Protein backbone atom coordinates (compact mmCIF):
# COMPACT_ATOMS: atom_id res chain seq x y z
CA UNK A 1 147.79 143.80 32.71
CA UNK A 2 146.71 142.41 29.33
CA UNK A 3 143.79 144.84 29.25
CA UNK A 4 146.07 147.87 29.67
CA UNK A 5 148.38 146.68 26.91
CA UNK A 6 145.39 146.25 24.58
CA UNK A 7 144.36 149.87 24.94
CA UNK A 8 145.14 152.64 22.46
CA UNK A 9 148.70 154.06 22.27
CA UNK A 10 147.31 157.26 23.80
CA UNK A 11 147.25 155.53 27.17
CA UNK A 12 151.03 155.30 27.31
CA UNK A 13 151.11 156.51 30.91
CA UNK A 14 148.80 153.71 31.97
CA UNK A 15 150.89 151.17 30.07
CA UNK A 16 154.08 152.46 31.69
CA UNK A 17 152.45 152.25 35.11
CA UNK A 18 151.38 148.66 34.51
CA UNK A 19 154.79 147.78 33.09
CA UNK A 20 156.53 149.27 36.13
CA UNK A 21 154.31 147.28 38.49
CA UNK A 22 154.98 144.10 36.53
CA UNK A 23 158.72 144.81 36.59
CA UNK A 24 158.62 145.19 40.36
CA UNK A 25 156.76 141.90 40.65
CA UNK A 26 159.34 140.18 38.46
CA UNK A 27 162.23 141.63 40.47
CA UNK A 28 160.59 140.50 43.72
CA UNK A 29 159.54 137.17 42.29
CA UNK A 30 161.13 134.17 40.65
CA UNK A 31 160.93 133.54 36.92
CA UNK A 32 160.46 129.89 36.02
CA UNK A 33 161.80 128.20 32.91
CA UNK A 34 158.47 128.40 31.12
CA UNK A 35 158.39 132.18 31.59
CA UNK A 36 155.78 132.42 34.31
CA UNK A 37 156.55 134.40 37.44
CA UNK A 38 156.13 133.16 40.99
CA UNK A 39 156.02 136.22 43.23
CA UNK A 40 157.01 136.12 46.86
CA UNK A 41 155.08 138.79 48.72
């Protein structure tokens, strides 16, 4: 996740893919007050 975001802007597709996966995890999970996400799989 962090690695993909650290890559060059040219890898926008990879960043979008990672962002989409993270978004799905957030939607399926539970965001705590400190900002971390507990995912229920």
